[in-house]
Amino acid sequence: MYKQLIRPILFCFDPEAVHHFTFSAVRFANKIPGFSSLFKSIYEVNDKRLEREVFGLKFKNPVGLAAGFDKDAKLYQELSNFGFGFIEIGTLTPKGQDGNPKLRLFRLREDSAIINRMGFNNGGVEEAVLRLKKNKGVLIGGNIGKNKVTPNEDAVKDYEICFNALFDYVDYFVVNVSSPNTPNLRALQDKEPLTQLLQTLQNLNLTKSNPKPILLKIAPDLTDEQLLDIIDIVKETKIAGVIATNTTISREGLQSVNKIEAGGLSGKPLTKRSTEVIRFLSEKSNKAFPIIGVGGIHTAEDAIEKLEAGASLVQLYTGFIYEGPALIKAINKKILEKA
């Protein structure tokens, strides 16, 4: 129904406007008595064999929603009704910011992809905390970044602010230094500044009575040498794991006219590369840390490939937009077939 009826209508309109409309529609539907139960009955797959324990957390299934969809933690409760095992909110920054000028979100239909140059648009971490205080049992990841106006030499302070504000309201953290849409942000992926940033957060984490898992989200555009550096950094700082991967700046093989747009590319063109990164990290580290696989998951088979490459969990974003919530159920059913 989604791909045949709903998606063709939604795809007639501006992607960012559709995103906000969809949020309002899902929120409204879930307020109608019985609708949240209906969504769950259609999309949820409840089976003990789907449960995963990763970095000390228990996930009811290994399929999550990636950061960027529910930036401000406005819809995580309702989105969980579509069968996700966990929801990652953000990227959040200390202060609210508008992000980059519109238009900044583009569909590449011929490529089953999206280009975004949103620029960490969000209402600020404190607003999100107010919503997260109302959480009723959804496992939440908190994706954190720096404000655009914060110079890289002061970036650590921004991450610390977000870390402290969110600490009591998320189950794990994701350090985002890999978005291509904040100027100079990716420079923080270099070995020295990245080690300093992660070590500072880990030191802060260890002052807490109940430390939370910290993960690093990396770009798919890193070289093998840089990926080996990532393995060394994870080992040195003892963070919990890696999310592979964020969006790419590559435009190789694209068909759509929108390929000329600046920003990060997500969707099917990323399927192969993100799986390659997962496999490389898993094999070269000898499976030393958990990996969350994300990038180009449009079918159940795509998810299985990432799990078999070494991912412990997977996340959807563009595939969720193109394929609809039935994709979550299809992945979980395919996992059970393989069990």
C-alpha atoms as a PDB file:
ATOM      1  CA  MET A   1       0.000   0.000   0.000  1.00  0.00           C
ATOM      2  CA  TYR A   2       2.773   2.440   0.924  1.00  0.00           C
ATOM      3  CA  LYS A   3       4.813   2.028  -2.269  1.00  0.00           C
ATOM      4  CA  GLN A   4       1.789   1.768  -4.569  1.00  0.00           C
ATOM      5  CA  LEU A   5      -0.435   4.511  -3.120  1.00  0.00           C
ATOM      6  CA  ILE A   6       1.116   6.675  -0.406  1.00  0.00           C
ATOM      7  CA  ARG A   7       4.678   7.151  -1.700  1.00  0.00           C
ATOM      8  CA  PRO A   8       3.683   8.350  -5.215  1.00  0.00           C
ATOM      9  CA  ILE A   9       1.553  11.088  -3.644  1.00  0.00           C
ATOM     10  CA  LEU A  10       4.189  12.137  -1.097  1.00  0.00           C
ATOM     11  CA  PHE A  11       6.901  12.214  -3.755  1.00  0.00           C
ATOM     12  CA  CYS A  12       4.962  14.892  -5.663  1.00  0.00           C
ATOM     13  CA  PHE A  13       5.895  17.457  -3.042  1.00  0.00           C
ATOM     14  CA  ASP A  14       9.009  19.057  -1.557  1.00  0.00           C
ATOM     15  CA  PRO A  15      10.867  16.447   0.553  1.00  0.00           C
ATOM     16  CA  GLU A  16      11.294  18.623   3.641  1.00  0.00           C
ATOM     17  CA  ALA A  17       7.646  19.717   3.584  1.00  0.00           C
ATOM     18  CA  VAL A  18       6.620  16.067   3.230  1.00  0.00           C
ATOM     19  CA  HIS A  19       8.795  15.162   6.210  1.00  0.00           C
ATOM     20  CA  HIS A  20       6.961  17.645   8.435  1.00  0.00           C
ATOM     21  CA  PHE A  21       3.567  16.610   7.046  1.00  0.00           C
ATOM     22  CA  THR A  22       4.341  12.946   7.701  1.00  0.00           C
ATOM     23  CA  PHE A  23       5.338  13.724  11.287  1.00  0.00           C
ATOM     24  CA  SER A  24       2.014  15.489  11.848  1.00  0.00           C
ATOM     25  CA  ALA A  25       0.064  12.654  10.219  1.00  0.00           C
ATOM     26  CA  VAL A  26       1.779   9.912  12.232  1.00  0.00           C
ATOM     27  CA  ARG A  27       1.328  11.871  15.458  1.00  0.00           C
ATOM     28  CA  PHE A  28      -2.355  12.482  14.717  1.00  0.00           C
ATOM     29  CA  ALA A  29      -2.989   8.834  13.811  1.00  0.00           C
ATOM     30  CA  ASN A  30      -1.401   7.614  17.030  1.00  0.00           C
ATOM     31  CA  LYS A  31      -3.747   9.823  19.060  1.00  0.00           C
ATOM     32  CA  ILE A  32      -6.775   8.009  17.656  1.00  0.00           C
ATOM     33  CA  PRO A  33      -7.758   5.244  20.099  1.00  0.00           C
ATOM     34  CA  GLY A  34      -6.542   1.877  18.886  1.00  0.00           C
ATOM     35  CA  PHE A  35      -4.273   3.140  16.099  1.00  0.00           C
ATOM     36  CA  SER A  36      -0.966   2.640  17.921  1.00  0.00           C
ATOM     37  CA  SER A  37      -2.029  -0.940  18.667  1.00  0.00           C
ATOM     38  CA  LEU A  38      -3.013  -1.348  15.010  1.00  0.00           C
ATOM     39  CA  PHE A  39       0.414  -0.173  13.812  1.00  0.00           C
ATOM     40  CA  LYS A  40       2.097  -2.574  16.205  1.00  0.00           C
ATOM     41  CA  SER A  41      -0.053  -5.493  15.101  1.00  0.00           C
ATOM     42  CA  ILE A  42       0.808  -4.824  11.445  1.00  0.00           C
ATOM     43  CA  TYR A  43       4.528  -4.114  11.700  1.00  0.00           C
ATOM     44  CA  GLU A  44       5.954  -5.553  14.913  1.00  0.00           C
ATOM     45  CA  VAL A  45       7.614  -8.952  14.961  1.00  0.00           C
ATOM     46  CA  ASN A  46       7.887 -10.209  18.519  1.00  0.00           C
ATOM     47  CA  ASP A  47      10.206 -13.151  18.912  1.00  0.00           C
ATOM     48  CA  LYS A  48      12.843 -13.851  21.557  1.00  0.00           C
ATOM     49  CA  ARG A  49      15.225 -14.945  18.802  1.00  0.00           C
ATOM     50  CA  LEU A  50      15.367 -11.358  17.562  1.00  0.00           C
ATOM     51  CA  GLU A  51      16.670 -10.017  20.857  1.00  0.00           C
ATOM     52  CA  ARG A  52      20.263  -8.822  20.911  1.00  0.00           C
ATOM     53  CA  GLU A  53      22.533  -7.791  23.752  1.00  0.00           C
ATOM     54  CA  VAL A  54      25.055  -5.294  22.420  1.00  0.00           C
ATOM     55  CA  PHE A  55      27.411  -3.040  24.401  1.00  0.00           C
ATOM     56  CA  GLY A  56      25.529  -3.992  27.544  1.00  0.00           C
ATOM     57  CA  LEU A  57      22.085  -3.024  26.249  1.00  0.00           C
ATOM     58  CA  LYS A  58      19.205  -5.338  25.421  1.00  0.00           C
ATOM     59  CA  PHE A  59      17.541  -4.661  22.053  1.00  0.00           C
ATOM     60  CA  LYS A  60      14.170  -6.294  21.318  1.00  0.00           C
ATOM     61  CA  ASN A  61      15.267  -6.589  17.687  1.00  0.00           C
ATOM     62  CA  PRO A  62      18.324  -5.443  15.735  1.00  0.00           C
ATOM     63  CA  VAL A  63      16.588  -2.971  13.389  1.00  0.00           C
ATOM     64  CA  GLY A  64      16.803   0.682  14.389  1.00  0.00           C
ATOM     65  CA  LEU A  65      15.982   4.095  12.968  1.00  0.00           C
ATOM     66  CA  ALA A  66      19.097   6.118  12.141  1.00  0.00           C
ATOM     67  CA  ALA A  67      19.725   9.658  13.322  1.00  0.00           C
ATOM     68  CA  GLY A  68      18.464  12.501  11.157  1.00  0.00           C
ATOM     69  CA  PHE A  69      14.853  11.364  10.874  1.00  0.00           C
ATOM     70  CA  ASP A  70      13.688  12.393  14.348  1.00  0.00           C
ATOM     71  CA  LYS A  71      16.298  15.048  15.064  1.00  0.00           C
ATOM     72  CA  ASP A  72      14.458  16.702  17.943  1.00  0.00           C
ATOM     73  CA  ALA A  73      12.982  13.622  19.640  1.00  0.00           C
ATOM     74  CA  LYS A  74       9.495  14.692  18.620  1.00  0.00           C
ATOM     75  CA  LEU A  75       8.167  11.368  17.330  1.00  0.00           C
ATOM     76  CA  TYR A  76      10.299   8.559  18.776  1.00  0.00           C
ATOM     77  CA  GLN A  77       7.410   7.030  20.721  1.00  0.00           C
ATOM     78  CA  GLU A  78       5.122   6.859  17.684  1.00  0.00           C
ATOM     79  CA  LEU A  79       7.905   5.694  15.353  1.00  0.00           C
ATOM     80  CA  SER A  80       8.662   2.800  17.684  1.00  0.00           C
ATOM     81  CA  ASN A  81       5.180   1.460  16.882  1.00  0.00           C
ATOM     82  CA  PHE A  82       6.411   0.587  13.376  1.00  0.00           C
ATOM     83  CA  GLY A  83       8.506  -2.214  14.841  1.00  0.00           C
ATOM     84  CA  PHE A  84      11.892  -0.574  15.352  1.00  0.00           C
ATOM     85  CA  GLY A  85      14.063  -2.112  18.049  1.00  0.00           C
ATOM     86  CA  PHE A  86      15.606   1.272  18.868  1.00  0.00           C
ATOM     87  CA  ILE A  87      15.455   4.914  17.784  1.00  0.00           C
ATOM     88  CA  GLU A  88      18.413   7.254  17.412  1.00  0.00           C
ATOM     89  CA  ILE A  89      17.574  10.932  17.819  1.00  0.00           C
ATOM     90  CA  GLY A  90      19.653  13.923  16.722  1.00  0.00           C
ATOM     91  CA  THR A  91      22.054  15.143  15.640  1.00  0.00           C
ATOM     92  CA  LEU A  92      21.603  17.557  18.544  1.00  0.00           C
ATOM     93  CA  THR A  93      23.742  20.603  19.259  1.00  0.00           C
ATOM     94  CA  PRO A  94      24.030  22.691  22.458  1.00  0.00           C
ATOM     95  CA  LYS A  95      22.077  25.611  20.998  1.00  0.00           C
ATOM     96  CA  GLY A  96      19.258  25.434  18.512  1.00  0.00           C
ATOM     97  CA  GLN A  97      20.179  26.381  14.953  1.00  0.00           C
ATOM     98  CA  ASP A  98      18.335  26.724  11.669  1.00  0.00           C
ATOM     99  CA  GLY A  99      20.799  24.733   9.593  1.00  0.00           C
ATOM    100  CA  ASN A 100      21.601  25.542   6.002  1.00  0.00           C
ATOM    101  CA  PRO A 101      19.354  27.611   3.697  1.00  0.00           C
ATOM    102  CA  LYS A 102      16.474  25.869   1.946  1.00  0.00           C
ATOM    103  CA  LEU A 103      16.180  24.049  -0.460  1.00  0.00           C
ATOM    104  CA  ARG A 104      18.429  21.479   1.224  1.00  0.00           C
ATOM    105  CA  LEU A 105      16.837  18.057   0.761  1.00  0.00           C
ATOM    106  CA  PHE A 106      16.630  16.362  -2.646  1.00  0.00           C
ATOM    107  CA  ARG A 107      15.263  13.048  -3.908  1.00  0.00           C
ATOM    108  CA  LEU A 108      17.210  11.117  -6.530  1.00  0.00           C
ATOM    109  CA  ARG A 109      14.405   8.798  -7.639  1.00  0.00           C
ATOM    110  CA  GLU A 110      16.362   7.108 -10.431  1.00  0.00           C
ATOM    111  CA  ASP A 111      19.008   6.174  -7.886  1.00  0.00           C
ATOM    112  CA  SER A 112      16.696   5.428  -4.913  1.00  0.00           C
ATOM    113  CA  ALA A 113      18.716   7.989  -2.992  1.00  0.00           C
ATOM    114  CA  ILE A 114      18.569  11.293  -1.151  1.00  0.00           C
ATOM    115  CA  ILE A 115      20.977  14.210  -0.942  1.00  0.00           C
ATOM    116  CA  ASN A 116      20.732  16.383   2.143  1.00  0.00           C
ATOM    117  CA  ARG A 117      22.638  19.423   3.279  1.00  0.00           C
ATOM    118  CA  MET A 118      20.491  20.124   6.331  1.00  0.00           C
ATOM    119  CA  GLY A 119      23.377  21.310   8.507  1.00  0.00           C
ATOM    120  CA  PHE A 120      22.383  20.005  11.951  1.00  0.00           C
ATOM    121  CA  ASN A 121      19.097  21.919  12.042  1.00  0.00           C
ATOM    122  CA  ASN A 122      17.584  21.286  15.478  1.00  0.00           C
ATOM    123  CA  GLY A 123      15.990  23.060  18.405  1.00  0.00           C
ATOM    124  CA  GLY A 124      18.897  22.464  20.772  1.00  0.00           C
ATOM    125  CA  VAL A 125      19.603  19.723  23.246  1.00  0.00           C
ATOM    126  CA  GLU A 126      17.545  21.147  26.133  1.00  0.00           C
ATOM    127  CA  GLU A 127      14.323  21.101  24.088  1.00  0.00           C
ATOM    128  CA  ALA A 128      14.916  17.464  23.190  1.00  0.00           C
ATOM    129  CA  VAL A 129      15.509  16.581  26.841  1.00  0.00           C
ATOM    130  CA  LEU A 130      12.041  17.872  27.749  1.00  0.00           C
ATOM    131  CA  ARG A 131      10.522  15.418  25.268  1.00  0.00           C
ATOM    132  CA  LEU A 132      12.770  12.529  26.266  1.00  0.00           C
ATOM    133  CA  LYS A 133      11.587  12.867  29.860  1.00  0.00           C
ATOM    134  CA  LYS A 134       8.251  11.494  28.615  1.00  0.00           C
ATOM    135  CA  ASN A 135       9.788   8.326  27.154  1.00  0.00           C
ATOM    136  CA  LYS A 136       7.801   5.156  27.815  1.00  0.00           C
ATOM    137  CA  GLY A 137      10.253   2.350  27.274  1.00  0.00           C
ATOM    138  CA  VAL A 138      11.794   3.167  23.879  1.00  0.00           C
ATOM    139  CA  LEU A 139      15.514   2.398  23.659  1.00  0.00           C
ATOM    140  CA  ILE A 140      17.083   5.702  22.591  1.00  0.00           C
ATOM    141  CA  GLY A 141      20.432   6.637  21.099  1.00  0.00           C
ATOM    142  CA  GLY A 142      21.569  10.239  21.387  1.00  0.00           C
ATOM    143  CA  ASN A 143      23.511  11.544  18.385  1.00  0.00           C
ATOM    144  CA  ILE A 144      25.501  14.665  19.279  1.00  0.00           C
ATOM    145  CA  GLY A 145      27.426  17.290  17.339  1.00  0.00           C
ATOM    146  CA  LYS A 146      28.741  20.839  17.500  1.00  0.00           C
ATOM    147  CA  ASN A 147      27.125  24.121  16.569  1.00  0.00           C
ATOM    148  CA  LYS A 148      28.103  25.558  13.196  1.00  0.00           C
ATOM    149  CA  VAL A 149      29.550  28.715  14.766  1.00  0.00           C
ATOM    150  CA  THR A 150      31.747  26.768  17.197  1.00  0.00           C
ATOM    151  CA  PRO A 151      35.328  26.549  15.891  1.00  0.00           C
ATOM    152  CA  ASN A 152      36.894  23.105  15.805  1.00  0.00           C
ATOM    153  CA  GLU A 153      39.343  23.995  18.572  1.00  0.00           C
ATOM    154  CA  ASP A 154      36.344  24.485  20.895  1.00  0.00           C
ATOM    155  CA  ALA A 155      34.279  21.575  19.559  1.00  0.00           C
ATOM    156  CA  VAL A 156      34.939  19.328  22.556  1.00  0.00           C
ATOM    157  CA  LYS A 157      32.998  21.723  24.798  1.00  0.00           C
ATOM    158  CA  ASP A 158      29.903  21.427  22.587  1.00  0.00           C
ATOM    159  CA  TYR A 159      30.011  17.637  22.726  1.00  0.00           C
ATOM    160  CA  GLU A 160      30.454  17.751  26.520  1.00  0.00           C
ATOM    161  CA  ILE A 161      27.403  20.013  26.893  1.00  0.00           C
ATOM    162  CA  CYS A 162      25.242  17.647  24.865  1.00  0.00           C
ATOM    163  CA  PHE A 163      26.636  14.604  26.656  1.00  0.00           C
ATOM    164  CA  ASN A 164      25.839  15.970  30.102  1.00  0.00           C
ATOM    165  CA  ALA A 165      22.383  17.233  29.122  1.00  0.00           C
ATOM    166  CA  LEU A 166      21.315  13.939  27.537  1.00  0.00           C
ATOM    167  CA  PHE A 167      23.037  11.532  29.896  1.00  0.00           C
ATOM    168  CA  ASP A 168      20.031  10.579  32.013  1.00  0.00           C
ATOM    169  CA  TYR A 169      17.657  10.296  29.039  1.00  0.00           C
ATOM    170  CA  VAL A 170      19.414   8.192  26.391  1.00  0.00           C
ATOM    171  CA  ASP A 171      20.719   4.630  26.437  1.00  0.00           C
ATOM    172  CA  TYR A 172      23.782   5.204  24.273  1.00  0.00           C
ATOM    173  CA  PHE A 173      25.632   8.100  22.638  1.00  0.00           C
ATOM    174  CA  VAL A 174      26.824   8.638  19.090  1.00  0.00           C
ATOM    175  CA  VAL A 175      29.586  11.140  18.364  1.00  0.00           C
ATOM    176  CA  ASN A 176      28.943  12.613  14.930  1.00  0.00           C
ATOM    177  CA  VAL A 177      32.057  14.069  13.296  1.00  0.00           C
ATOM    178  CA  SER A 178      31.269  12.687   9.853  1.00  0.00           C
ATOM    179  CA  SER A 179      28.455  14.851   8.492  1.00  0.00           C
ATOM    180  CA  PRO A 180      29.587  16.684   5.339  1.00  0.00           C
ATOM    181  CA  ASN A 181      27.139  19.535   5.931  1.00  0.00           C
ATOM    182  CA  THR A 182      28.830  21.448   8.760  1.00  0.00           C
ATOM    183  CA  PRO A 183      31.953  23.301   7.593  1.00  0.00           C
ATOM    184  CA  ASN A 184      35.220  21.630   8.681  1.00  0.00           C
ATOM    185  CA  LEU A 185      33.407  19.062  10.848  1.00  0.00           C
ATOM    186  CA  ARG A 186      35.018  16.118   9.087  1.00  0.00           C
ATOM    187  CA  ALA A 187      38.453  17.465  10.036  1.00  0.00           C
ATOM    188  CA  LEU A 188      37.615  16.178  13.520  1.00  0.00           C
ATOM    189  CA  GLN A 189      37.919  12.647  12.075  1.00  0.00           C
ATOM    190  CA  ASP A 190      41.693  13.091  11.897  1.00  0.00           C
ATOM    191  CA  LYS A 191      43.445  10.853  14.377  1.00  0.00           C
ATOM    192  CA  GLU A 192      44.693  13.412  16.893  1.00  0.00           C
ATOM    193  CA  PRO A 193      41.566  15.593  17.338  1.00  0.00           C
ATOM    194  CA  LEU A 194      39.284  12.546  17.230  1.00  0.00           C
ATOM    195  CA  THR A 195      41.276  10.728  19.904  1.00  0.00           C
ATOM    196  CA  GLN A 196      41.188  13.829  22.098  1.00  0.00           C
ATOM    197  CA  LEU A 197      37.435  14.281  21.637  1.00  0.00           C
ATOM    198  CA  LEU A 198      36.556  10.652  22.352  1.00  0.00           C
ATOM    199  CA  GLN A 199      38.956  10.379  25.283  1.00  0.00           C
ATOM    200  CA  THR A 200      37.507  13.521  26.850  1.00  0.00           C
ATOM    201  CA  LEU A 201      33.973  12.164  26.560  1.00  0.00           C
ATOM    202  CA  GLN A 202      35.044   8.745  27.825  1.00  0.00           C
ATOM    203  CA  ASN A 203      36.760  10.321  30.828  1.00  0.00           C
ATOM    204  CA  LEU A 204      33.580  12.279  31.530  1.00  0.00           C
ATOM    205  CA  ASN A 205      31.559   9.104  31.072  1.00  0.00           C
ATOM    206  CA  LEU A 206      33.635   7.240  33.637  1.00  0.00           C
ATOM    207  CA  THR A 207      32.882   9.858  36.295  1.00  0.00           C
ATOM    208  CA  LYS A 208      29.236   8.752  36.145  1.00  0.00           C
ATOM    209  CA  SER A 209      27.912   5.982  38.365  1.00  0.00           C
ATOM    210  CA  ASN A 210      26.388   4.238  35.328  1.00  0.00           C
ATOM    211  CA  PRO A 211      28.560   4.940  32.246  1.00  0.00           C
ATOM    212  CA  LYS A 212      26.766   4.832  28.891  1.00  0.00           C
ATOM    213  CA  PRO A 213      28.066   3.250  25.665  1.00  0.00           C
ATOM    214  CA  ILE A 214      29.726   5.806  23.375  1.00  0.00           C
ATOM    215  CA  LEU A 215      29.856   5.082  19.650  1.00  0.00           C
ATOM    216  CA  LEU A 216      31.588   6.886  16.815  1.00  0.00           C
ATOM    217  CA  LYS A 217      29.774   7.489  13.512  1.00  0.00           C
ATOM    218  CA  ILE A 218      32.178   7.473  10.580  1.00  0.00           C
ATOM    219  CA  ALA A 219      32.049   8.514   6.946  1.00  0.00           C
ATOM    220  CA  PRO A 220      32.078   5.982   4.105  1.00  0.00           C
ATOM    221  CA  ASP A 221      34.708   8.088   2.346  1.00  0.00           C
ATOM    222  CA  LEU A 222      37.566   7.140   4.681  1.00  0.00           C
ATOM    223  CA  THR A 223      40.571   5.347   3.199  1.00  0.00           C
ATOM    224  CA  ASP A 224      41.770   1.966   4.457  1.00  0.00           C
ATOM    225  CA  GLU A 225      44.557   3.757   6.336  1.00  0.00           C
ATOM    226  CA  GLN A 226      42.052   6.035   8.030  1.00  0.00           C
ATOM    227  CA  LEU A 227      39.861   3.045   8.916  1.00  0.00           C
ATOM    228  CA  LEU A 228      42.871   1.397  10.545  1.00  0.00           C
ATOM    229  CA  ASP A 229      43.302   4.611  12.529  1.00  0.00           C
ATOM    230  CA  ILE A 230      39.664   4.306  13.633  1.00  0.00           C
ATOM    231  CA  ILE A 231      40.364   0.795  14.925  1.00  0.00           C
ATOM    232  CA  ASP A 232      43.356   2.104  16.885  1.00  0.00           C
ATOM    233  CA  ILE A 233      41.334   5.001  18.307  1.00  0.00           C
ATOM    234  CA  VAL A 234      38.497   2.717  19.451  1.00  0.00           C
ATOM    235  CA  LYS A 235      41.059   0.479  21.145  1.00  0.00           C
ATOM    236  CA  GLU A 236      42.888   3.392  22.787  1.00  0.00           C
ATOM    237  CA  THR A 237      39.826   5.277  24.042  1.00  0.00           C
ATOM    238  CA  LYS A 238      37.840   2.121  24.849  1.00  0.00           C
ATOM    239  CA  ILE A 239      34.611   3.496  23.417  1.00  0.00           C
ATOM    240  CA  ALA A 240      31.856   0.937  22.855  1.00  0.00           C
ATOM    241  CA  GLY A 241      31.754   0.717  19.072  1.00  0.00           C
ATOM    242  CA  VAL A 242      31.274   2.291  15.652  1.00  0.00           C
ATOM    243  CA  ILE A 243      28.363   3.228  13.395  1.00  0.00           C
ATOM    244  CA  ALA A 244      29.252   2.620   9.748  1.00  0.00           C
ATOM    245  CA  THR A 245      28.403   4.692   7.829  1.00  0.00           C
ATOM    246  CA  ASN A 246      27.185   8.264   7.479  1.00  0.00           C
ATOM    247  CA  THR A 247      26.344   9.842   4.112  1.00  0.00           C
ATOM    248  CA  THR A 248      28.896  10.082   1.306  1.00  0.00           C
ATOM    249  CA  ILE A 249      30.197  12.999  -0.746  1.00  0.00           C
ATOM    250  CA  SER A 250      30.815  10.653  -3.703  1.00  0.00           C
ATOM    251  CA  ARG A 251      28.572  10.954  -6.765  1.00  0.00           C
ATOM    252  CA  GLU A 252      29.935   7.972  -8.659  1.00  0.00           C
ATOM    253  CA  GLY A 253      27.454   6.197 -10.944  1.00  0.00           C
ATOM    254  CA  LEU A 254      24.440   8.426 -10.248  1.00  0.00           C
ATOM    255  CA  GLN A 255      21.707   8.920 -12.876  1.00  0.00           C
ATOM    256  CA  SER A 256      19.517  11.662 -11.415  1.00  0.00           C
ATOM    257  CA  VAL A 257      19.822  15.316 -12.399  1.00  0.00           C
ATOM    258  CA  ASN A 258      19.905  16.147  -8.689  1.00  0.00           C
ATOM    259  CA  LYS A 259      23.351  14.540  -8.400  1.00  0.00           C
ATOM    260  CA  ILE A 260      24.821  18.029  -8.873  1.00  0.00           C
ATOM    261  CA  GLU A 261      23.458  19.166  -5.509  1.00  0.00           C
ATOM    262  CA  ALA A 262      25.932  19.602  -2.667  1.00  0.00           C
ATOM    263  CA  GLY A 263      25.488  17.575   0.507  1.00  0.00           C
ATOM    264  CA  GLY A 264      25.585  14.041   1.830  1.00  0.00           C
ATOM    265  CA  LEU A 265      24.238  11.216  -0.329  1.00  0.00           C
ATOM    266  CA  SER A 266      22.295   8.338   1.245  1.00  0.00           C
ATOM    267  CA  GLY A 267      20.366   5.401  -0.152  1.00  0.00           C
ATOM    268  CA  LYS A 268      21.065   2.568  -2.581  1.00  0.00           C
ATOM    269  CA  PRO A 269      24.313   3.996  -4.025  1.00  0.00           C
ATOM    270  CA  LEU A 270      25.799   3.584  -0.534  1.00  0.00           C
ATOM    271  CA  THR A 271      24.822  -0.077  -0.069  1.00  0.00           C
ATOM    272  CA  LYS A 272      28.044  -1.660  -1.263  1.00  0.00           C
ATOM    273  CA  ARG A 273      30.501   0.821   0.262  1.00  0.00           C
ATOM    274  CA  SER A 274      28.947   0.827   3.723  1.00  0.00           C
ATOM    275  CA  THR A 275      29.059  -2.982   3.764  1.00  0.00           C
ATOM    276  CA  GLU A 276      32.711  -2.884   2.675  1.00  0.00           C
ATOM    277  CA  VAL A 277      33.527  -0.572   5.583  1.00  0.00           C
ATOM    278  CA  ILE A 278      31.709  -2.834   8.036  1.00  0.00           C
ATOM    279  CA  ARG A 279      33.563  -5.897   6.781  1.00  0.00           C
ATOM    280  CA  PHE A 280      36.934  -4.117   6.848  1.00  0.00           C
ATOM    281  CA  LEU A 281      36.473  -2.893  10.436  1.00  0.00           C
ATOM    282  CA  SER A 282      35.200  -6.264  11.620  1.00  0.00           C
ATOM    283  CA  GLU A 283      37.973  -8.299  10.000  1.00  0.00           C
ATOM    284  CA  LYS A 284      40.906  -5.953  10.672  1.00  0.00           C
ATOM    285  CA  SER A 285      39.901  -5.506  14.328  1.00  0.00           C
ATOM    286  CA  ASN A 286      39.205  -9.229  14.752  1.00  0.00           C
ATOM    287  CA  LYS A 287      35.650  -8.292  15.798  1.00  0.00           C
ATOM    288  CA  ALA A 288      37.024  -6.287  18.724  1.00  0.00           C
ATOM    289  CA  PHE A 289      33.978  -4.004  18.993  1.00  0.00           C
ATOM    290  CA  PRO A 290      30.315  -3.930  17.910  1.00  0.00           C
ATOM    291  CA  ILE A 291      29.341  -2.180  14.681  1.00  0.00           C
ATOM    292  CA  ILE A 292      25.957  -0.720  13.792  1.00  0.00           C
ATOM    293  CA  GLY A 293      25.516  -1.024  10.036  1.00  0.00           C
ATOM    294  CA  VAL A 294      23.714   1.723   8.156  1.00  0.00           C
ATOM    295  CA  GLY A 295      23.713   2.865   4.547  1.00  0.00           C
ATOM    296  CA  GLY A 296      21.664   1.723   1.587  1.00  0.00           C
ATOM    297  CA  ILE A 297      19.441  -0.832   3.299  1.00  0.00           C
ATOM    298  CA  HIS A 298      16.432  -1.073   0.979  1.00  0.00           C
ATOM    299  CA  THR A 299      15.705  -4.815   1.241  1.00  0.00           C
ATOM    300  CA  ALA A 300      15.875  -7.512   3.878  1.00  0.00           C
ATOM    301  CA  GLU A 301      18.792  -8.986   1.946  1.00  0.00           C
ATOM    302  CA  ASP A 302      20.720  -5.700   2.257  1.00  0.00           C
ATOM    303  CA  ALA A 303      20.365  -5.893   6.042  1.00  0.00           C
ATOM    304  CA  ILE A 304      21.430  -9.537   6.161  1.00  0.00           C
ATOM    305  CA  GLU A 305      24.556  -8.700   4.122  1.00  0.00           C
ATOM    306  CA  LYS A 306      25.553  -6.096   6.688  1.00  0.00           C
ATOM    307  CA  LEU A 307      24.928  -8.442   9.591  1.00  0.00           C
ATOM    308  CA  GLU A 308      26.954 -11.162   7.905  1.00  0.00           C
ATOM    309  CA  ALA A 309      29.726  -8.644   7.178  1.00  0.00           C
ATOM    310  CA  GLY A 310      30.091  -8.033  10.912  1.00  0.00           C
ATOM    311  CA  ALA A 311      27.349  -5.655  12.039  1.00  0.00           C
ATOM    312  CA  SER A 312      25.604  -6.440  15.319  1.00  0.00           C
ATOM    313  CA  LEU A 313      22.671  -4.122  14.593  1.00  0.00           C
ATOM    314  CA  VAL A 314      21.409  -2.203  11.560  1.00  0.00           C
ATOM    315  CA  GLN A 315      19.685   1.133  11.036  1.00  0.00           C
ATOM    316  CA  LEU A 316      17.383   2.512   8.344  1.00  0.00           C
ATOM    317  CA  TYR A 317      16.880   6.001   7.013  1.00  0.00           C
ATOM    318  CA  THR A 318      16.524   6.421   3.245  1.00  0.00           C
ATOM    319  CA  GLY A 319      15.301   2.845   2.840  1.00  0.00           C
ATOM    320  CA  PHE A 320      12.535   3.621   5.344  1.00  0.00           C
ATOM    321  CA  ILE A 321      11.464   6.593   3.202  1.00  0.00           C
ATOM    322  CA  TYR A 322      11.535   4.694  -0.110  1.00  0.00           C
ATOM    323  CA  GLU A 323      10.254   1.303   1.047  1.00  0.00           C
ATOM    324  CA  GLY A 324       8.018   2.218   3.987  1.00  0.00           C
ATOM    325  CA  PRO A 325       7.612   0.590   7.406  1.00  0.00           C
ATOM    326  CA  ALA A 326       7.015  -2.862   5.896  1.00  0.00           C
ATOM    327  CA  LEU A 327      10.803  -3.002   5.408  1.00  0.00           C
ATOM    328  CA  ILE A 328      11.338  -3.277   9.179  1.00  0.00           C
ATOM    329  CA  LYS A 329       9.064  -6.295   9.394  1.00  0.00           C
ATOM    330  CA  ALA A 330      10.651  -7.879   6.311  1.00  0.00           C
ATOM    331  CA  ILE A 331      14.137  -7.590   7.814  1.00  0.00           C
ATOM    332  CA  ASN A 332      13.100  -9.079  11.139  1.00  0.00           C
ATOM    333  CA  LYS A 333      11.313 -11.957   9.393  1.00  0.00           C
ATOM    334  CA  LYS A 334      14.364 -12.630   7.222  1.00  0.00           C
ATOM    335  CA  ILE A 335      16.562 -12.707  10.340  1.00  0.00           C
ATOM    336  CA  LEU A 336      14.236 -15.297  11.849  1.00  0.00           C
ATOM    337  CA  GLU A 337      14.430 -17.380   8.680  1.00  0.00           C
ATOM    338  CA  LYS A 338      18.206 -17.395   9.049  1.00  0.00           C
ATOM    339  CA  ALA A 339      18.085 -18.182  12.781  1.00  0.00           C
END
